[in-house]
């Protein structure tokens, strides 16, 4: 498969969208850290399951993109929770 190259502009736009999505999630759910690796994994698994559902139901690019951003937010939130020392391993 011939894969097109991503430009810095593509990546920068995605990072900006991730930042906006992160703020939206934070505004809806609050700034509370994940407190365990099991909680982080549970959130990531839930988001993954939602992504699989959207792909299998052929929901379209916008729905799939939304779920991908949810996964990215959950992963970033997990890393921030680790860095804050909030996770009990």
N, C-alpha and C. Protein backbone atom coordinates (compact mmCIF):
# COMPACT_ATOMS: atom_id res chain seq x y z
N UNK A 1 0.84 -1.17 0.00
CA UNK A 1 0.00 0.00 0.00
C UNK A 1 0.89 1.24 0.00
N UNK A 2 0.62 2.14 -0.89
CA UNK A 2 1.36 3.39 -0.97
C UNK A 2 0.73 4.39 -0.01
N UNK A 3 1.45 4.76 1.03
CA UNK A 3 0.93 5.67 2.05
C UNK A 3 1.39 7.10 1.76
N UNK A 4 0.46 8.04 1.77
CA UNK A 4 0.88 9.43 1.58
C UNK A 4 1.63 9.94 2.81
N UNK A 5 2.51 10.89 2.59
CA UNK A 5 3.26 11.48 3.69
C UNK A 5 2.41 12.54 4.39
N UNK A 6 2.53 12.57 5.72
CA UNK A 6 1.90 13.63 6.48
C UNK A 6 2.82 14.84 6.50
N UNK A 7 2.24 16.01 6.42
CA UNK A 7 3.02 17.23 6.51
C UNK A 7 3.01 17.72 7.95
N UNK A 8 3.90 18.62 8.26
CA UNK A 8 3.90 19.25 9.58
C UNK A 8 2.57 19.95 9.82
N UNK A 9 2.00 20.50 8.78
CA UNK A 9 0.70 21.17 8.89
C UNK A 9 -0.40 20.17 9.28
N UNK A 10 -0.38 18.96 8.69
CA UNK A 10 -1.35 17.92 9.07
C UNK A 10 -1.24 17.59 10.55
N UNK A 11 -0.02 17.38 11.00
CA UNK A 11 0.21 16.99 12.40
C UNK A 11 -0.15 18.15 13.33
N UNK A 12 0.26 19.36 13.00
CA UNK A 12 -0.05 20.52 13.84
C UNK A 12 -1.56 20.74 13.95
N UNK A 13 -2.28 20.54 12.87
CA UNK A 13 -3.74 20.69 12.90
C UNK A 13 -4.37 19.62 13.80
N UNK A 14 -3.84 18.41 13.75
CA UNK A 14 -4.36 17.33 14.59
C UNK A 14 -4.08 17.62 16.06
N UNK A 15 -2.90 18.15 16.36
CA UNK A 15 -2.56 18.49 17.75
C UNK A 15 -3.48 19.60 18.25
N UNK A 16 -3.76 20.58 17.43
CA UNK A 16 -4.69 21.65 17.81
C UNK A 16 -6.08 21.08 18.08
N UNK A 17 -6.55 20.19 17.22
CA UNK A 17 -7.85 19.55 17.44
C UNK A 17 -7.86 18.74 18.73
N UNK A 18 -6.74 18.07 19.02
CA UNK A 18 -6.62 17.31 20.26
C UNK A 18 -6.70 18.24 21.47
N UNK A 19 -6.03 19.37 21.40
CA UNK A 19 -6.09 20.33 22.51
C UNK A 19 -7.51 20.82 22.73
N UNK A 20 -8.22 21.12 21.66
CA UNK A 20 -9.61 21.58 21.78
C UNK A 20 -10.50 20.48 22.36
N UNK A 21 -10.30 19.25 21.91
CA UNK A 21 -11.08 18.12 22.39
C UNK A 21 -10.77 17.87 23.87
N UNK A 22 -9.51 17.99 24.24
CA UNK A 22 -9.11 17.82 25.64
C UNK A 22 -9.81 18.84 26.52
N UNK A 23 -9.85 20.08 26.12
CA UNK A 23 -10.51 21.12 26.91
C UNK A 23 -12.01 20.86 27.01
N UNK A 24 -12.61 20.40 25.93
CA UNK A 24 -14.04 20.07 25.95
C UNK A 24 -14.32 18.95 26.95
N UNK A 25 -13.53 17.89 26.91
CA UNK A 25 -13.71 16.78 27.84
C UNK A 25 -13.48 17.25 29.27
N UNK A 26 -12.44 18.05 29.48
CA UNK A 26 -12.15 18.56 30.82
C UNK A 26 -13.29 19.42 31.34
N UNK A 27 -13.88 20.24 30.48
CA UNK A 27 -15.01 21.07 30.90
C UNK A 27 -16.24 20.24 31.26
N UNK A 28 -16.43 19.13 30.55
CA UNK A 28 -17.59 18.27 30.82
C UNK A 28 -17.38 17.36 32.03
N UNK A 29 -16.17 16.85 32.20
CA UNK A 29 -15.92 15.83 33.21
C UNK A 29 -15.12 16.32 34.41
N UNK A 30 -14.52 17.49 34.29
CA UNK A 30 -13.73 18.02 35.39
C UNK A 30 -12.27 17.60 35.29
N UNK A 31 -11.42 18.28 36.08
CA UNK A 31 -9.97 18.05 35.98
C UNK A 31 -9.45 16.95 36.91
N UNK A 32 -10.26 15.97 37.20
CA UNK A 32 -9.84 14.91 38.13
C UNK A 32 -8.92 13.91 37.43
N UNK A 33 -7.85 13.55 38.12
CA UNK A 33 -6.87 12.60 37.59
C UNK A 33 -7.41 11.18 37.67
N UNK A 34 -6.88 10.32 36.82
CA UNK A 34 -7.09 8.88 36.98
C UNK A 34 -6.25 8.47 38.19
N UNK A 35 -6.78 7.55 39.01
CA UNK A 35 -6.08 7.19 40.23
C UNK A 35 -5.44 5.80 40.19
N UNK A 36 -5.64 5.08 39.10
CA UNK A 36 -5.01 3.77 38.98
C UNK A 36 -4.81 3.42 37.51
N UNK A 37 -3.88 2.52 37.29
CA UNK A 37 -3.65 2.05 35.93
C UNK A 37 -4.89 1.30 35.43
N UNK A 38 -5.62 0.66 36.34
CA UNK A 38 -6.83 -0.05 35.94
C UNK A 38 -7.92 0.91 35.47
N UNK A 39 -8.02 2.07 36.13
CA UNK A 39 -8.99 3.08 35.69
C UNK A 39 -8.61 3.60 34.30
N UNK A 40 -7.34 3.90 34.11
CA UNK A 40 -6.88 4.39 32.81
C UNK A 40 -7.15 3.35 31.73
N UNK A 41 -6.82 2.11 32.02
CA UNK A 41 -7.05 1.04 31.05
C UNK A 41 -8.53 0.89 30.76
N UNK A 42 -9.37 0.97 31.78
CA UNK A 42 -10.81 0.85 31.58
C UNK A 42 -11.35 1.94 30.66
N UNK A 43 -10.90 3.16 30.86
CA UNK A 43 -11.34 4.27 30.00
C UNK A 43 -10.85 4.05 28.58
N UNK A 44 -9.59 3.66 28.43
CA UNK A 44 -9.05 3.41 27.09
C UNK A 44 -9.79 2.27 26.40
N UNK A 45 -10.10 1.22 27.13
CA UNK A 45 -10.84 0.09 26.55
C UNK A 45 -12.25 0.51 26.14
N UNK A 46 -12.91 1.33 26.97
CA UNK A 46 -14.24 1.83 26.61
C UNK A 46 -14.18 2.64 25.32
N UNK A 47 -13.20 3.52 25.23
CA UNK A 47 -13.06 4.35 24.03
C UNK A 47 -12.72 3.49 22.81
N UNK A 48 -11.88 2.50 23.00
CA UNK A 48 -11.54 1.59 21.90
C UNK A 48 -12.79 0.85 21.41
N UNK A 49 -13.60 0.39 22.35
CA UNK A 49 -14.83 -0.31 22.01
C UNK A 49 -15.77 0.59 21.21
N UNK A 50 -15.86 1.85 21.62
CA UNK A 50 -16.69 2.82 20.89
C UNK A 50 -16.15 3.04 19.48
N UNK A 51 -14.83 3.08 19.34
CA UNK A 51 -14.22 3.23 18.01
C UNK A 51 -14.57 2.04 17.13
N UNK A 52 -14.42 0.83 17.67
CA UNK A 52 -14.75 -0.37 16.91
C UNK A 52 -16.20 -0.33 16.46
N UNK A 53 -17.09 0.07 17.36
CA UNK A 53 -18.51 0.15 17.01
C UNK A 53 -18.74 1.13 15.86
N UNK A 54 -18.11 2.31 15.95
CA UNK A 54 -18.30 3.32 14.90
C UNK A 54 -17.75 2.82 13.56
N UNK A 55 -16.63 2.13 13.59
CA UNK A 55 -16.06 1.61 12.34
C UNK A 55 -16.94 0.53 11.76
N UNK A 56 -17.37 -0.41 12.60
CA UNK A 56 -18.17 -1.53 12.11
C UNK A 56 -19.56 -1.10 11.66
N UNK A 57 -20.09 -0.05 12.24
CA UNK A 57 -21.42 0.42 11.84
C UNK A 57 -21.35 1.39 10.67
N UNK A 58 -20.12 1.63 10.19
CA UNK A 58 -19.89 2.55 9.07
C UNK A 58 -20.50 3.92 9.35
N UNK A 59 -20.22 4.42 10.55
CA UNK A 59 -20.81 5.68 11.02
C UNK A 59 -20.30 6.90 10.27
N UNK A 60 -19.16 6.78 9.65
CA UNK A 60 -18.62 7.89 8.90
C UNK A 60 -17.38 8.49 9.55
N UNK A 61 -16.70 9.29 8.78
CA UNK A 61 -15.41 9.83 9.19
C UNK A 61 -15.50 10.70 10.44
N UNK A 62 -16.54 11.52 10.57
CA UNK A 62 -16.65 12.41 11.73
C UNK A 62 -16.79 11.63 13.03
N UNK A 63 -17.61 10.59 13.03
CA UNK A 63 -17.81 9.78 14.24
C UNK A 63 -16.53 9.02 14.58
N UNK A 64 -15.86 8.50 13.59
CA UNK A 64 -14.61 7.77 13.82
C UNK A 64 -13.54 8.73 14.34
N UNK A 65 -13.46 9.89 13.74
CA UNK A 65 -12.49 10.90 14.17
C UNK A 65 -12.72 11.29 15.62
N UNK A 66 -13.98 11.46 16.00
CA UNK A 66 -14.34 11.82 17.37
C UNK A 66 -13.84 10.74 18.35
N UNK A 67 -14.04 9.49 18.01
CA UNK A 67 -13.59 8.40 18.89
C UNK A 67 -12.07 8.33 18.95
N UNK A 68 -11.41 8.59 17.84
CA UNK A 68 -9.94 8.62 17.87
C UNK A 68 -9.44 9.74 18.78
N UNK A 69 -10.09 10.89 18.73
CA UNK A 69 -9.71 11.98 19.63
C UNK A 69 -9.99 11.61 21.08
N UNK A 70 -11.10 10.89 21.34
CA UNK A 70 -11.38 10.42 22.70
C UNK A 70 -10.28 9.50 23.20
N UNK A 71 -9.79 8.62 22.35
CA UNK A 71 -8.70 7.72 22.73
C UNK A 71 -7.43 8.53 23.02
N UNK A 72 -7.14 9.49 22.17
CA UNK A 72 -5.94 10.32 22.38
C UNK A 72 -6.05 11.10 23.68
N UNK A 73 -7.22 11.63 23.98
CA UNK A 73 -7.42 12.36 25.24
C UNK A 73 -7.23 11.43 26.42
N UNK A 74 -7.81 10.24 26.35
CA UNK A 74 -7.67 9.28 27.46
C UNK A 74 -6.21 8.90 27.67
N UNK A 75 -5.46 8.71 26.60
CA UNK A 75 -4.04 8.38 26.73
C UNK A 75 -3.27 9.56 27.32
N UNK A 76 -3.53 10.75 26.84
CA UNK A 76 -2.85 11.94 27.35
C UNK A 76 -3.20 12.17 28.82
N UNK A 77 -4.47 11.97 29.17
CA UNK A 77 -4.92 12.15 30.55
C UNK A 77 -4.23 11.13 31.46
N UNK A 78 -4.04 9.93 30.95
CA UNK A 78 -3.34 8.89 31.71
C UNK A 78 -1.90 9.30 31.99
N UNK A 79 -1.23 9.81 30.98
CA UNK A 79 0.16 10.25 31.15
C UNK A 79 0.22 11.43 32.15
N UNK A 80 -0.70 12.37 32.02
CA UNK A 80 -0.73 13.52 32.95
C UNK A 80 -1.00 13.04 34.37
N UNK A 81 -1.88 12.06 34.53
CA UNK A 81 -2.17 11.51 35.86
C UNK A 81 -0.94 10.83 36.45
N UNK A 82 -0.21 10.12 35.61
CA UNK A 82 1.05 9.49 36.06
C UNK A 82 2.04 10.57 36.50
N UNK A 83 2.20 11.58 35.66
CA UNK A 83 3.18 12.64 35.95
C UNK A 83 2.81 13.42 37.21
N UNK A 84 1.51 13.50 37.52
CA UNK A 84 1.05 14.20 38.72
C UNK A 84 1.20 13.34 39.98
N UNK A 85 1.61 12.07 39.79
CA UNK A 85 1.75 11.16 40.92
C UNK A 85 0.42 10.69 41.47
N UNK A 86 -0.61 10.77 40.66
CA UNK A 86 -1.96 10.44 41.12
C UNK A 86 -2.30 8.97 41.01
N UNK A 87 -1.55 8.23 40.22
CA UNK A 87 -1.89 6.83 39.97
C UNK A 87 -1.30 5.91 41.02
N UNK A 88 -2.15 5.05 41.55
CA UNK A 88 -1.72 4.00 42.47
C UNK A 88 -1.51 2.75 41.67
N UNK A 89 -0.25 2.33 41.55
CA UNK A 89 0.06 1.15 40.72
C UNK A 89 -0.15 -0.09 41.51
